[in-house]
């Protein structure tokens, strides 16, 4: 699966605001609600909160991949957010999260959901990518960093 199949440039938030996990998840949910007008930000936030109750999606190295499934979408879709200041996310390594890719997949989509999570994880696990994402100046630059890695 290609990252460009999951994220469009308009779904990239250069300076994600929020001082805690819930605020950041809410702000990502607002972006989803803008591109999925039939769903409210509150509904999307509840999906992410439900998943977080199972355990933090902060996987370490400054990365979080909040995710969930919902009715009404046809394929996985994601929103990228960068928090320059960092947010405590109860990550495995205890460090703040700076790079988040939130993923929504259709209810009942087993393999596509797992493929999307694997694609995101492979991208963000590369230290060079994380560095370039933190140094990117604007939305377009952030998006280009992500898609430049698709064929590697």
N, C-alpha and C. Protein backbone atom coordinates (compact mmCIF):
# COMPACT_ATOMS: atom_id res chain seq x y z
N UNK A 1 0.85 -1.18 0.00
CA UNK A 1 0.00 0.00 0.00
C UNK A 1 0.90 1.24 0.00
N UNK A 2 0.49 2.24 -0.75
CA UNK A 2 1.25 3.48 -0.84
C UNK A 2 0.71 4.51 0.14
N UNK A 3 1.61 5.29 0.72
CA UNK A 3 1.19 6.34 1.65
C UNK A 3 0.29 7.36 0.95
N UNK A 4 0.54 7.59 -0.36
CA UNK A 4 -0.30 8.54 -1.11
C UNK A 4 -1.72 8.01 -1.32
N UNK A 5 -1.94 6.72 -1.10
CA UNK A 5 -3.31 6.18 -1.15
C UNK A 5 -4.05 6.46 0.15
N UNK A 6 -3.30 6.79 1.19
CA UNK A 6 -3.89 7.02 2.51
C UNK A 6 -4.05 8.50 2.85
N UNK A 7 -3.05 9.30 2.45
CA UNK A 7 -2.98 10.70 2.87
C UNK A 7 -2.88 11.60 1.65
N UNK A 8 -3.70 12.63 1.62
CA UNK A 8 -3.56 13.67 0.59
C UNK A 8 -2.87 14.87 1.24
N UNK A 9 -2.37 15.75 0.41
CA UNK A 9 -1.68 16.93 0.95
C UNK A 9 -2.57 17.75 1.86
N UNK A 10 -3.86 17.79 1.56
CA UNK A 10 -4.79 18.57 2.38
C UNK A 10 -5.01 17.95 3.76
N UNK A 11 -4.55 16.72 3.96
CA UNK A 11 -4.70 16.02 5.23
C UNK A 11 -3.42 16.05 6.05
N UNK A 12 -2.59 17.04 5.80
CA UNK A 12 -1.34 17.21 6.53
C UNK A 12 -1.44 18.47 7.38
N UNK A 13 -1.22 18.32 8.67
CA UNK A 13 -1.28 19.44 9.61
C UNK A 13 0.15 19.74 10.05
N UNK A 14 0.66 20.90 9.64
CA UNK A 14 2.04 21.27 9.87
C UNK A 14 2.35 21.50 11.34
N UNK A 15 1.47 22.20 12.03
CA UNK A 15 1.69 22.50 13.44
C UNK A 15 0.45 22.11 14.23
N UNK A 16 0.38 20.84 14.56
CA UNK A 16 -0.75 20.30 15.30
C UNK A 16 -0.76 20.90 16.69
N UNK A 17 -1.89 21.45 17.06
CA UNK A 17 -2.00 22.08 18.38
C UNK A 17 -2.63 21.11 19.37
N UNK A 18 -2.39 21.38 20.61
CA UNK A 18 -2.93 20.56 21.69
C UNK A 18 -1.83 20.29 22.70
N UNK A 19 -2.21 20.32 23.97
CA UNK A 19 -1.21 20.13 25.01
C UNK A 19 -1.28 18.73 25.63
N UNK A 20 -2.29 17.95 25.23
CA UNK A 20 -2.39 16.59 25.75
C UNK A 20 -2.98 15.68 24.67
N UNK A 21 -2.98 14.40 24.96
CA UNK A 21 -3.44 13.40 24.00
C UNK A 21 -4.85 13.68 23.50
N UNK A 22 -5.79 13.97 24.41
CA UNK A 22 -7.18 14.18 24.00
C UNK A 22 -7.33 15.39 23.08
N UNK A 23 -6.62 16.48 23.38
CA UNK A 23 -6.70 17.67 22.52
C UNK A 23 -6.15 17.38 21.13
N UNK A 24 -5.04 16.67 21.06
CA UNK A 24 -4.44 16.34 19.76
C UNK A 24 -5.36 15.42 18.97
N UNK A 25 -5.91 14.41 19.63
CA UNK A 25 -6.84 13.51 18.95
C UNK A 25 -8.08 14.26 18.47
N UNK A 26 -8.54 15.21 19.27
CA UNK A 26 -9.69 16.02 18.84
C UNK A 26 -9.35 16.84 17.60
N UNK A 27 -8.18 17.45 17.59
CA UNK A 27 -7.78 18.27 16.44
C UNK A 27 -7.61 17.42 15.18
N UNK A 28 -7.09 16.22 15.31
CA UNK A 28 -7.00 15.31 14.15
C UNK A 28 -8.40 14.91 13.70
N UNK A 29 -9.30 14.70 14.65
CA UNK A 29 -10.69 14.33 14.32
C UNK A 29 -11.40 15.42 13.53
N UNK A 30 -11.09 16.67 13.84
CA UNK A 30 -11.68 17.80 13.11
C UNK A 30 -11.25 17.75 11.64
N UNK A 31 -10.00 17.42 11.38
CA UNK A 31 -9.53 17.31 10.00
C UNK A 31 -10.28 16.19 9.28
N UNK A 32 -10.44 15.05 9.96
CA UNK A 32 -11.21 13.96 9.36
C UNK A 32 -12.64 14.39 9.06
N UNK A 33 -13.26 15.11 10.00
CA UNK A 33 -14.65 15.55 9.80
C UNK A 33 -14.78 16.49 8.61
N UNK A 34 -13.73 17.25 8.32
CA UNK A 34 -13.75 18.13 7.15
C UNK A 34 -13.76 17.34 5.85
N UNK A 35 -13.09 16.20 5.84
CA UNK A 35 -13.04 15.41 4.60
C UNK A 35 -14.10 14.31 4.57
N UNK A 36 -14.72 14.05 5.71
CA UNK A 36 -15.81 13.08 5.81
C UNK A 36 -17.02 13.80 6.42
N UNK A 37 -17.67 14.67 5.64
CA UNK A 37 -18.71 15.54 6.21
C UNK A 37 -19.92 14.80 6.80
N UNK A 38 -20.08 13.53 6.48
CA UNK A 38 -21.21 12.78 7.03
C UNK A 38 -20.96 12.30 8.45
N UNK A 39 -19.76 12.55 8.96
CA UNK A 39 -19.38 12.11 10.30
C UNK A 39 -18.90 13.32 11.10
N UNK A 40 -19.25 13.34 12.36
CA UNK A 40 -18.82 14.47 13.20
C UNK A 40 -17.45 14.19 13.81
N UNK A 41 -16.77 15.27 14.16
CA UNK A 41 -15.47 15.15 14.82
C UNK A 41 -15.61 14.38 16.14
N UNK A 42 -16.73 14.56 16.82
CA UNK A 42 -16.95 13.88 18.10
C UNK A 42 -17.06 12.37 17.90
N UNK A 43 -17.72 11.94 16.81
CA UNK A 43 -17.81 10.50 16.53
C UNK A 43 -16.43 9.92 16.26
N UNK A 44 -15.64 10.62 15.50
CA UNK A 44 -14.30 10.15 15.16
C UNK A 44 -13.42 10.14 16.41
N UNK A 45 -13.51 11.18 17.21
CA UNK A 45 -12.74 11.24 18.45
C UNK A 45 -13.07 10.05 19.34
N UNK A 46 -14.33 9.69 19.43
CA UNK A 46 -14.72 8.55 20.27
C UNK A 46 -14.10 7.25 19.76
N UNK A 47 -13.97 7.09 18.46
CA UNK A 47 -13.32 5.90 17.89
C UNK A 47 -11.87 5.85 18.34
N UNK A 48 -11.18 6.98 18.27
CA UNK A 48 -9.77 7.01 18.70
C UNK A 48 -9.65 6.78 20.21
N UNK A 49 -10.54 7.39 20.99
CA UNK A 49 -10.48 7.21 22.44
C UNK A 49 -10.73 5.75 22.83
N UNK A 50 -11.66 5.13 22.12
CA UNK A 50 -11.95 3.72 22.39
C UNK A 50 -10.70 2.87 22.17
N UNK A 51 -9.98 3.13 21.09
CA UNK A 51 -8.75 2.37 20.82
C UNK A 51 -7.68 2.67 21.88
N UNK A 52 -7.57 3.93 22.29
CA UNK A 52 -6.57 4.31 23.30
C UNK A 52 -6.85 3.64 24.65
N UNK A 53 -8.10 3.33 24.93
CA UNK A 53 -8.42 2.64 26.18
C UNK A 53 -7.81 1.23 26.21
N UNK A 54 -7.57 0.66 25.04
CA UNK A 54 -6.94 -0.66 24.96
C UNK A 54 -5.44 -0.59 25.21
N UNK A 55 -4.87 0.59 25.02
CA UNK A 55 -3.43 0.81 25.18
C UNK A 55 -3.01 1.94 24.27
N UNK A 56 -1.98 2.63 24.67
CA UNK A 56 -1.54 3.79 23.91
C UNK A 56 -1.07 3.40 22.51
N UNK A 57 -1.40 4.23 21.55
CA UNK A 57 -0.92 4.04 20.18
C UNK A 57 0.38 4.82 19.97
N UNK A 58 0.93 5.36 21.04
CA UNK A 58 2.26 5.96 21.00
C UNK A 58 3.27 4.83 21.02
N UNK A 59 3.97 4.64 19.91
CA UNK A 59 4.82 3.46 19.77
C UNK A 59 6.29 3.73 20.09
N UNK A 60 6.62 4.96 20.46
CA UNK A 60 7.99 5.32 20.76
C UNK A 60 8.63 6.08 19.61
N UNK A 61 9.84 6.58 19.86
CA UNK A 61 10.59 7.36 18.86
C UNK A 61 9.85 8.62 18.42
N UNK A 62 8.96 9.13 19.27
CA UNK A 62 8.21 10.34 18.93
C UNK A 62 7.05 10.11 17.99
N UNK A 63 6.58 8.86 17.89
CA UNK A 63 5.55 8.47 16.92
C UNK A 63 4.29 7.99 17.62
N UNK A 64 3.13 8.34 17.08
CA UNK A 64 1.86 7.75 17.49
C UNK A 64 1.05 7.46 16.23
N UNK A 65 0.34 6.34 16.28
CA UNK A 65 -0.52 5.96 15.15
C UNK A 65 -1.91 5.62 15.69
N UNK A 66 -2.66 6.66 16.10
CA UNK A 66 -4.02 6.40 16.56
C UNK A 66 -4.83 5.85 15.39
N UNK A 67 -5.66 4.86 15.67
CA UNK A 67 -6.41 4.24 14.57
C UNK A 67 -7.71 3.63 15.07
N UNK A 68 -8.58 3.39 14.11
CA UNK A 68 -9.85 2.77 14.42
C UNK A 68 -10.61 2.46 13.14
N UNK A 69 -11.77 1.87 13.32
CA UNK A 69 -12.60 1.49 12.18
C UNK A 69 -13.98 2.11 12.33
N UNK A 70 -14.57 2.41 11.18
CA UNK A 70 -15.89 3.02 11.22
C UNK A 70 -16.69 2.68 9.97
N UNK A 71 -17.99 2.73 10.11
CA UNK A 71 -18.89 2.53 8.98
C UNK A 71 -18.89 3.76 8.09
N UNK A 72 -19.20 3.57 6.83
CA UNK A 72 -19.41 4.71 5.95
C UNK A 72 -18.22 5.14 5.13
N UNK A 73 -17.07 4.51 5.30
CA UNK A 73 -15.94 4.82 4.44
C UNK A 73 -15.59 3.57 3.64
N UNK A 74 -15.04 3.78 2.46
CA UNK A 74 -14.81 2.67 1.54
C UNK A 74 -13.39 2.10 1.62
N UNK A 75 -12.44 2.91 2.05
CA UNK A 75 -11.05 2.46 2.11
C UNK A 75 -10.34 3.21 3.24
N UNK A 76 -9.20 2.70 3.67
CA UNK A 76 -8.47 3.40 4.74
C UNK A 76 -8.10 4.82 4.31
N UNK A 77 -8.15 5.71 5.28
CA UNK A 77 -7.81 7.12 5.06
C UNK A 77 -7.05 7.61 6.30
N UNK A 78 -6.09 8.50 6.08
CA UNK A 78 -5.27 8.95 7.21
C UNK A 78 -5.06 10.45 7.19
N UNK A 79 -4.72 10.98 8.36
CA UNK A 79 -4.38 12.38 8.54
C UNK A 79 -3.04 12.41 9.27
N UNK A 80 -2.13 13.23 8.78
CA UNK A 80 -0.81 13.38 9.39
C UNK A 80 -0.78 14.68 10.17
N UNK A 81 -0.22 14.64 11.36
CA UNK A 81 -0.03 15.84 12.15
C UNK A 81 1.35 15.86 12.79
N UNK A 82 1.95 17.05 12.79
CA UNK A 82 3.25 17.24 13.43
C UNK A 82 3.09 18.22 14.58
N UNK A 83 3.55 17.80 15.75
CA UNK A 83 3.56 18.66 16.92
C UNK A 83 5.01 18.99 17.23
N UNK A 84 5.41 20.20 16.92
CA UNK A 84 6.79 20.61 17.15
C UNK A 84 7.12 20.55 18.63
N UNK A 85 6.21 21.00 19.47
CA UNK A 85 6.43 21.01 20.92
C UNK A 85 6.42 19.62 21.51
N UNK A 86 5.66 18.72 20.91
CA UNK A 86 5.53 17.36 21.42
C UNK A 86 4.38 17.26 22.42
N UNK A 87 3.82 16.07 22.50
CA UNK A 87 2.67 15.81 23.36
C UNK A 87 2.91 14.50 24.12
N UNK A 88 2.63 14.51 25.41
CA UNK A 88 2.71 13.27 26.18
C UNK A 88 1.59 12.35 25.71
N UNK A 89 1.95 11.15 25.35
CA UNK A 89 0.99 10.23 24.75
C UNK A 89 1.01 8.86 25.44
N UNK A 90 1.71 8.79 26.59
CA UNK A 90 1.90 7.51 27.28
C UNK A 90 2.53 6.49 26.34
N UNK A 91 3.53 6.95 25.59
CA UNK A 91 4.24 6.10 24.63
C UNK A 91 5.04 5.03 25.36
N UNK A 92 5.37 3.99 24.62
CA UNK A 92 6.16 2.88 25.18
C UNK A 92 7.47 3.36 25.78
N UNK A 93 8.11 4.36 25.18
CA UNK A 93 9.39 4.84 25.68
C UNK A 93 9.26 6.04 26.62
N UNK A 94 8.03 6.49 26.87
CA UNK A 94 7.79 7.60 27.78
C UNK A 94 8.12 8.97 27.23
N UNK A 95 8.56 9.05 25.99
CA UNK A 95 8.93 10.33 25.38
C UNK A 95 7.74 10.98 24.68
N UNK A 96 7.78 12.31 24.51
CA UNK A 96 6.69 13.00 23.83
C UNK A 96 6.58 12.57 22.37
N UNK A 97 5.37 12.68 21.85
CA UNK A 97 5.08 12.36 20.45
C UNK A 97 5.13 13.66 19.64
N UNK A 98 5.80 13.59 18.51
CA UNK A 98 5.88 14.73 17.59
C UNK A 98 5.21 14.44 16.25
N UNK A 99 5.19 13.18 15.84
CA UNK A 99 4.67 12.79 14.53
C UNK A 99 3.52 11.81 14.72
N UNK A 100 2.35 12.19 14.20
CA UNK A 100 1.17 11.35 14.34
C UNK A 100 0.55 11.11 12.97
N UNK A 101 0.22 9.87 12.72
CA UNK A 101 -0.61 9.57 11.56
C UNK A 101 -1.82 8.83 12.09
N UNK A 102 -2.97 9.48 12.03
CA UNK A 102 -4.23 8.89 12.49
C UNK A 102 -4.88 8.18 11.31
N UNK A 103 -5.35 6.98 11.54
CA UNK A 103 -5.89 6.13 10.48
C UNK A 103 -7.31 5.71 10.80
N UNK A 104 -8.18 5.84 9.82
CA UNK A 104 -9.53 5.28 9.89
C UNK A 104 -9.69 4.30 8.75
N UNK A 105 -10.25 3.13 9.06
CA UNK A 105 -10.50 2.11 8.05
C UNK A 105 -11.96 1.69 8.13
N UNK A 106 -12.48 1.13 7.05
CA UNK A 106 -13.87 0.65 7.08
C UNK A 106 -14.05 -0.46 8.12
N UNK A 107 -15.20 -0.49 8.74
CA UNK A 107 -15.53 -1.57 9.64
C UNK A 107 -15.43 -2.89 8.87
N UNK A 108 -14.82 -3.87 9.49
CA UNK A 108 -14.71 -5.18 8.86
C UNK A 108 -13.55 -5.33 7.90
N UNK A 109 -12.73 -4.28 7.77
CA UNK A 109 -11.59 -4.38 6.85
C UNK A 109 -10.38 -4.87 7.63
N UNK A 110 -10.13 -6.15 7.56
CA UNK A 110 -9.00 -6.72 8.28
C UNK A 110 -7.69 -6.44 7.58
N UNK A 111 -7.50 -7.04 6.42
CA UNK A 111 -6.22 -6.95 5.72
C UNK A 111 -5.87 -5.52 5.30
N UNK A 112 -6.79 -4.75 4.69
CA UNK A 112 -6.43 -3.37 4.32
C UNK A 112 -6.02 -2.51 5.52
N UNK A 113 -6.67 -2.71 6.65
CA UNK A 113 -6.34 -1.94 7.86
C UNK A 113 -4.92 -2.29 8.31
N UNK A 114 -4.61 -3.58 8.35
CA UNK A 114 -3.28 -4.00 8.77
C UNK A 114 -2.20 -3.56 7.79
N UNK A 115 -2.52 -3.58 6.49
CA UNK A 115 -1.57 -3.11 5.48
C UNK A 115 -1.30 -1.62 5.65
N UNK A 116 -2.35 -0.85 5.93
CA UNK A 116 -2.18 0.59 6.13
C UNK A 116 -1.33 0.86 7.37
N UNK A 117 -1.58 0.15 8.45
CA UNK A 117 -0.77 0.31 9.66
C UNK A 117 0.69 -0.04 9.39
N UNK A 118 0.91 -1.09 8.63
CA UNK A 118 2.29 -1.50 8.31
C UNK A 118 2.98 -0.43 7.46
N UNK A 119 2.27 0.12 6.49
CA UNK A 119 2.84 1.17 5.63
C UNK A 119 3.24 2.38 6.46
N UNK A 120 2.36 2.81 7.35
CA UNK A 120 2.63 3.96 8.21
C UNK A 120 3.82 3.68 9.13
N UNK A 121 3.80 2.51 9.74
CA UNK A 121 4.86 2.15 10.66
C UNK A 121 6.22 2.09 9.96
N UNK A 122 6.27 1.48 8.79
CA UNK A 122 7.52 1.39 8.04
C UNK A 122 8.05 2.78 7.69
N UNK A 123 7.15 3.68 7.31
CA UNK A 123 7.56 5.04 6.96
C UNK A 123 8.16 5.75 8.17
N UNK A 124 7.43 5.75 9.28
CA UNK A 124 7.84 6.53 10.44
C UNK A 124 8.95 5.88 11.26
N UNK A 125 9.20 4.63 11.04
CA UNK A 125 10.30 3.97 11.77
C UNK A 125 11.67 4.33 11.22
N UNK A 126 11.73 4.97 10.05
CA UNK A 126 13.02 5.38 9.49
C UNK A 126 13.45 6.71 10.11
N UNK A 127 14.59 6.68 10.78
CA UNK A 127 15.08 7.89 11.45
C UNK A 127 15.26 9.05 10.48
N UNK A 128 15.75 8.76 9.27
CA UNK A 128 15.96 9.83 8.29
C UNK A 128 14.64 10.49 7.90
N UNK A 129 13.58 9.71 7.83
CA UNK A 129 12.26 10.27 7.49
C UNK A 129 11.77 11.14 8.64
N UNK A 130 11.89 10.65 9.86
CA UNK A 130 11.45 11.45 11.02
C UNK A 130 12.19 12.78 11.09
N UNK A 131 13.49 12.74 10.84
CA UNK A 131 14.28 13.97 10.85
C UNK A 131 13.79 14.93 9.78
N UNK A 132 13.60 14.43 8.58
CA UNK A 132 13.14 15.29 7.48
C UNK A 132 11.74 15.84 7.73
N UNK A 133 10.88 15.04 8.35
CA UNK A 133 9.54 15.52 8.68
C UNK A 133 9.59 16.63 9.72
N UNK A 134 10.47 16.51 10.68
CA UNK A 134 10.60 17.55 11.70
C UNK A 134 11.21 18.82 11.13
N UNK A 135 12.03 18.71 10.11
CA UNK A 135 12.69 19.87 9.52
C UNK A 135 11.89 20.53 8.40
N UNK A 136 10.89 19.85 7.87
CA UNK A 136 10.11 20.40 6.76
C UNK A 136 9.45 21.71 7.16
N UNK A 137 9.41 22.64 6.23
CA UNK A 137 8.94 23.99 6.55
C UNK A 137 7.44 24.19 6.42
N UNK A 138 6.79 23.43 5.55
CA UNK A 138 5.38 23.69 5.30
C UNK A 138 4.64 22.40 4.93
N UNK A 139 3.35 22.53 4.72
CA UNK A 139 2.49 21.39 4.42
C UNK A 139 2.97 20.62 3.19
N UNK A 140 3.28 21.33 2.13
CA UNK A 140 3.72 20.69 0.89
C UNK A 140 5.03 19.91 1.12
N UNK A 141 5.96 20.52 1.84
CA UNK A 141 7.24 19.85 2.12
C UNK A 141 7.04 18.58 2.95
N UNK A 142 6.17 18.66 3.94
CA UNK A 142 5.87 17.48 4.76
C UNK A 142 5.31 16.35 3.89
N UNK A 143 4.36 16.71 3.06
CA UNK A 143 3.73 15.70 2.20
C UNK A 143 4.75 15.10 1.23
N UNK A 144 5.59 15.93 0.68
CA UNK A 144 6.60 15.43 -0.27
C UNK A 144 7.59 14.49 0.40
N UNK A 145 7.94 14.76 1.65
CA UNK A 145 8.82 13.84 2.37
C UNK A 145 8.17 12.47 2.44
N UNK A 146 6.88 12.45 2.79
CA UNK A 146 6.19 11.18 2.93
C UNK A 146 6.11 10.41 1.62
N UNK A 147 5.71 11.08 0.56
CA UNK A 147 5.54 10.35 -0.69
C UNK A 147 6.86 10.05 -1.38
N UNK A 148 7.90 10.78 -1.03
CA UNK A 148 9.21 10.49 -1.63
C UNK A 148 9.75 9.14 -1.18
N UNK A 149 9.22 8.63 -0.12
CA UNK A 149 9.68 7.36 0.46
C UNK A 149 8.88 6.15 -0.04
N UNK A 150 7.90 6.38 -0.88
CA UNK A 150 7.00 5.28 -1.29
C UNK A 150 7.71 4.15 -2.04
N UNK A 151 8.68 4.46 -2.83
CA UNK A 151 9.29 3.43 -3.66
C UNK A 151 10.58 2.90 -3.10
N UNK A 152 10.84 3.20 -1.84
CA UNK A 152 12.09 2.71 -1.21
C UNK A 152 11.82 1.40 -0.51
